[in-house]
């Protein structure tokens, strides 16, 4: 954070830690480099990432490895654009959660302390907050995708059953033809089986189409 001294510095640290302990996330200062190594994080860092904040800072661990690989480029682009224009970035992405899995977070920040030679900010200051509602929504979508996948498997089995029903109907009609007038009953049954298979297949195709749309809808 900003460099101050004496009682004001103590007050600022206490104030910052106070804020950090009351949010679902953390405040940070990081180095302006590709791995986003941190030089300071507030107390909420461990709760959100599972990493010990002091050790993370002391060892200059890479923060970028905690970002979901599919989201890292969008984070890099947002930061680069903000630094280029001298503005702030706001970006949502997935952050590795303690014990596995991913949490959605929202980050806003900006560059500070320009290098006297290059003019580029040496540090990145910001705040990262957990987006609890997005995380829960993602969990529900994952569950929805699993359900859709299971239903797609059931649809395939039903189509196989309908195919078998059509074959049975065809065999019944062949036997009815061989039995002549004695096979009238077989012929009626065969017609009903074929009609049932045709109707069921039409309904299943409609369900399959709706499942396809649902499958697209639950994709992240």
Protein backbone atom coordinates (compact mmCIF):
# COMPACT_ATOMS: atom_id res chain seq x y z
CA UNK A 1 0.00 0.00 0.00
CA UNK A 2 1.05 3.69 0.11
CA UNK A 3 4.26 4.46 1.97
CA UNK A 4 3.60 6.37 5.23
CA UNK A 5 5.37 6.45 8.58
CA UNK A 6 4.79 6.60 12.34
CA UNK A 7 1.35 6.38 13.90
CA UNK A 8 -0.30 7.03 10.54
CA UNK A 9 1.37 3.91 9.12
CA UNK A 10 0.13 1.80 12.02
CA UNK A 11 -3.35 3.18 11.62
CA UNK A 12 -3.30 2.45 7.89
CA UNK A 13 -2.17 -1.14 8.42
CA UNK A 14 -4.79 -1.72 11.09
CA UNK A 15 -7.44 -0.09 8.94
CA UNK A 16 -6.48 -2.21 5.91
CA UNK A 17 -6.45 -5.42 7.91
CA UNK A 18 -9.79 -4.41 9.39
CA UNK A 19 -11.28 -4.15 5.93
CA UNK A 20 -9.61 -7.38 4.84
CA UNK A 21 -11.16 -9.32 7.70
CA UNK A 22 -14.67 -8.16 6.78
CA UNK A 23 -14.81 -9.10 3.12
CA UNK A 24 -15.12 -12.41 1.26
CA UNK A 25 -11.79 -11.94 -0.45
CA UNK A 26 -8.59 -10.00 0.01
CA UNK A 27 -6.70 -6.84 -0.83
CA UNK A 28 -3.29 -7.17 -2.44
CA UNK A 29 -0.21 -5.54 -3.87
CA UNK A 30 1.54 -7.56 -6.55
CA UNK A 31 4.50 -7.18 -8.84
CA UNK A 32 3.81 -6.04 -12.39
CA UNK A 33 5.03 -9.19 -14.07
CA UNK A 34 3.53 -12.20 -15.81
CA UNK A 35 3.23 -14.43 -12.75
CA UNK A 36 1.54 -11.71 -10.61
CA UNK A 37 3.70 -12.57 -7.59
CA UNK A 38 2.44 -10.82 -4.46
CA UNK A 39 4.37 -8.53 -2.13
CA UNK A 40 1.47 -8.10 0.30
CA UNK A 41 -1.95 -9.68 0.82
CA UNK A 42 -4.60 -9.09 3.47
CA UNK A 43 -5.87 -11.71 5.91
CA UNK A 44 -8.61 -13.04 3.60
CA UNK A 45 -6.05 -14.53 1.21
CA UNK A 46 -5.83 -17.91 2.94
CA UNK A 47 -9.59 -18.33 3.31
CA UNK A 48 -10.07 -17.83 -0.44
CA UNK A 49 -7.05 -19.69 -1.82
CA UNK A 50 -6.01 -22.11 0.94
CA UNK A 51 -2.47 -20.68 0.75
CA UNK A 52 -0.70 -19.17 3.73
CA UNK A 53 -0.44 -15.49 2.85
CA UNK A 54 2.87 -14.79 4.60
CA UNK A 55 4.59 -17.79 3.00
CA UNK A 56 3.08 -16.99 -0.39
CA UNK A 57 4.50 -13.47 -0.26
CA UNK A 58 7.84 -14.48 1.25
CA UNK A 59 8.46 -17.15 -1.39
CA UNK A 60 7.22 -14.91 -4.21
CA UNK A 61 4.95 -17.71 -5.45
CA UNK A 62 3.16 -17.29 -8.75
CA UNK A 63 -0.42 -16.12 -8.35
CA UNK A 64 -1.17 -16.82 -12.00
CA UNK A 65 -1.00 -20.60 -11.38
CA UNK A 66 -4.05 -20.25 -9.13
CA UNK A 67 -6.10 -18.80 -12.01
CA UNK A 68 -8.04 -21.25 -14.19
CA UNK A 69 -5.99 -21.88 -17.36
CA UNK A 70 -8.98 -21.05 -19.56
CA UNK A 71 -9.39 -17.66 -17.84
CA UNK A 72 -5.76 -16.55 -17.59
CA UNK A 73 -5.64 -14.89 -20.99
CA UNK A 74 -8.70 -12.75 -20.27
CA UNK A 75 -7.09 -11.65 -16.99
CA UNK A 76 -3.84 -10.79 -18.78
CA UNK A 77 -5.71 -8.84 -21.46
CA UNK A 78 -7.73 -6.86 -18.91
CA UNK A 79 -4.64 -5.93 -16.90
CA UNK A 80 -2.60 -5.03 -20.00
CA UNK A 81 -5.34 -2.81 -21.41
CA UNK A 82 -5.78 -0.98 -18.09
CA UNK A 83 -2.03 -0.39 -17.73
CA UNK A 84 -1.84 0.88 -21.29
CA UNK A 85 -4.62 3.42 -20.76
CA UNK A 86 -3.75 4.26 -17.18
CA UNK A 87 -7.16 3.04 -16.02
CA UNK A 88 -8.43 0.23 -13.82
CA UNK A 89 -9.30 -3.31 -14.76
CA UNK A 90 -12.35 -5.27 -13.75
CA UNK A 91 -12.38 -8.95 -14.58
CA UNK A 92 -14.22 -12.08 -13.43
CA UNK A 93 -12.50 -15.45 -13.49
CA UNK A 94 -12.15 -18.78 -11.71
CA UNK A 95 -9.64 -19.16 -8.88
CA UNK A 96 -8.39 -22.46 -7.51
CA UNK A 97 -10.25 -23.28 -4.28
CA UNK A 98 -8.85 -24.98 -1.18
CA UNK A 99 -9.20 -28.74 -1.49
CA UNK A 100 -9.78 -28.65 -5.25
CA UNK A 101 -12.41 -27.20 -7.51
CA UNK A 102 -12.81 -23.58 -8.58
CA UNK A 103 -14.37 -20.43 -7.17
CA UNK A 104 -15.58 -17.51 -9.22
CA UNK A 105 -14.05 -14.21 -8.20
CA UNK A 106 -14.26 -10.60 -9.32
CA UNK A 107 -11.12 -8.51 -9.35
CA UNK A 108 -10.61 -4.79 -9.76
CA UNK A 109 -7.30 -3.00 -9.56
CA UNK A 110 -4.79 -0.64 -11.11
CA UNK A 111 -1.10 0.02 -11.52
CA UNK A 112 0.94 2.21 -9.17
CA UNK A 113 4.48 3.47 -8.47
CA UNK A 114 5.71 4.17 -12.04
CA UNK A 115 9.27 3.13 -12.83
CA UNK A 116 11.38 6.28 -13.33
CA UNK A 117 13.00 4.81 -16.45
CA UNK A 118 10.21 2.98 -18.27
CA UNK A 119 7.24 4.83 -16.79
CA UNK A 120 5.46 1.50 -16.33
CA UNK A 121 3.85 0.74 -12.93
CA UNK A 122 6.05 -1.46 -10.77
CA UNK A 123 3.15 -2.71 -8.64
CA UNK A 124 -0.45 -3.77 -9.10
CA UNK A 125 -2.89 -2.87 -6.32
CA UNK A 126 -6.36 -4.31 -6.13
CA UNK A 127 -9.05 -6.33 -4.45
CA UNK A 128 -10.33 -9.83 -5.26
CA UNK A 129 -13.80 -10.78 -4.02
CA UNK A 130 -15.48 -14.16 -4.16
CA UNK A 131 -18.57 -14.24 -6.37
CA UNK A 132 -20.47 -16.74 -4.25
CA UNK A 133 -23.60 -16.66 -6.38
CA UNK A 134 -21.61 -17.39 -9.55
CA UNK A 135 -19.81 -20.26 -7.83
CA UNK A 136 -23.09 -21.80 -6.70
CA UNK A 137 -24.59 -21.28 -10.17
CA UNK A 138 -21.60 -23.05 -11.73
CA UNK A 139 -22.08 -25.98 -9.34
CA UNK A 140 -25.75 -26.22 -10.33
CA UNK A 141 -24.83 -26.09 -14.02
CA UNK A 142 -22.32 -28.89 -13.50
CA UNK A 143 -25.06 -30.92 -11.88
CA UNK A 144 -27.40 -30.03 -14.76
CA UNK A 145 -24.85 -31.16 -17.33
CA UNK A 146 -24.49 -34.50 -15.54
CA UNK A 147 -28.27 -34.95 -15.59
CA UNK A 148 -28.50 -34.09 -19.28
CA UNK A 149 -25.71 -36.55 -20.05
CA UNK A 150 -27.57 -39.28 -18.15
CA UNK A 151 -30.79 -38.48 -20.00
CA UNK A 152 -28.99 -38.61 -23.34
CA UNK A 153 -27.81 -42.10 -22.43
CA UNK A 154 -31.38 -43.11 -21.59
CA UNK A 155 -32.61 -41.72 -24.93
CA UNK A 156 -30.13 -43.93 -26.78
CA UNK A 157 -31.39 -47.00 -24.92
CA UNK A 158 -35.01 -46.12 -25.70
CA UNK A 159 -34.23 -45.77 -29.43
CA UNK A 160 -32.61 -49.22 -29.34
CA UNK A 161 -35.74 -50.61 -27.68
CA UNK A 162 -37.97 -49.01 -30.33
CA UNK A 163 -35.80 -50.51 -33.06
CA UNK A 164 -36.29 -53.95 -31.47
CA UNK A 165 -40.05 -53.30 -31.27
CA UNK A 166 -40.16 -52.55 -35.00
CA UNK A 167 -38.30 -55.79 -35.74
CA UNK A 168 -40.77 -57.74 -33.60
CA UNK A 169 -43.66 -56.09 -35.43
CA UNK A 170 -42.13 -57.04 -38.77
CA UNK A 171 -41.67 -60.65 -37.66
CA UNK A 172 -45.28 -60.76 -36.40
CA UNK A 173 -46.56 -59.54 -39.79
CA UNK A 174 -44.48 -62.18 -41.59
CA UNK A 175 -45.90 -64.91 -39.35
CA UNK A 176 -49.43 -63.53 -39.88
CA UNK A 177 -48.98 -63.74 -43.66
CA UNK A 178 -47.81 -67.33 -43.39
CA UNK A 179 -50.76 -68.29 -41.19
CA UNK A 180 -53.27 -66.77 -43.65
CA UNK A 181 -56.74 -66.38 -42.03
CA UNK A 182 -55.40 -67.91 -38.82
CA UNK A 183 -52.91 -65.10 -38.52
CA UNK A 184 -55.34 -62.18 -38.51
CA UNK A 185 -54.72 -61.64 -34.80
CA UNK A 186 -50.98 -61.55 -35.35
CA UNK A 187 -51.43 -58.93 -38.06
CA UNK A 188 -53.50 -56.68 -35.78
CA UNK A 189 -50.91 -56.96 -33.02
CA UNK A 190 -48.10 -56.22 -35.50
CA UNK A 191 -49.87 -53.10 -36.74
CA UNK A 192 -50.38 -51.85 -33.19
CA UNK A 193 -46.74 -52.52 -32.30
CA UNK A 194 -45.55 -50.67 -35.40
CA UNK A 195 -47.88 -47.75 -34.69
CA UNK A 196 -46.66 -47.58 -31.08
CA UNK A 197 -43.03 -47.61 -32.21
CA UNK A 198 -43.65 -44.84 -34.76
CA UNK A 199 -45.47 -42.61 -32.27
CA UNK A 200 -42.91 -43.23 -29.54
CA UNK A 201 -40.02 -42.52 -31.89
CA UNK A 202 -41.58 -39.18 -32.86
CA UNK A 203 -41.97 -38.20 -29.23
CA UNK A 204 -38.42 -39.28 -28.39
CA UNK A 205 -37.01 -37.19 -31.25
CA UNK A 206 -38.78 -34.14 -29.84
CA UNK A 207 -37.35 -34.89 -26.39
CA UNK A 208 -33.90 -35.40 -27.93
CA UNK A 209 -34.12 -32.00 -29.64
CA UNK A 210 -35.13 -30.32 -26.37
CA UNK A 211 -32.29 -32.06 -24.53
CA UNK A 212 -29.90 -30.77 -27.19
CA UNK A 213 -31.04 -27.20 -26.55
CA UNK A 214 -30.81 -27.77 -22.79
CA UNK A 215 -27.31 -29.14 -23.20
CA UNK A 216 -26.26 -25.96 -25.02
CA UNK A 217 -27.92 -23.80 -22.36
CA UNK A 218 -25.98 -25.35 -19.45
CA UNK A 219 -22.60 -24.95 -21.12
CA UNK A 220 -20.41 -22.35 -19.40
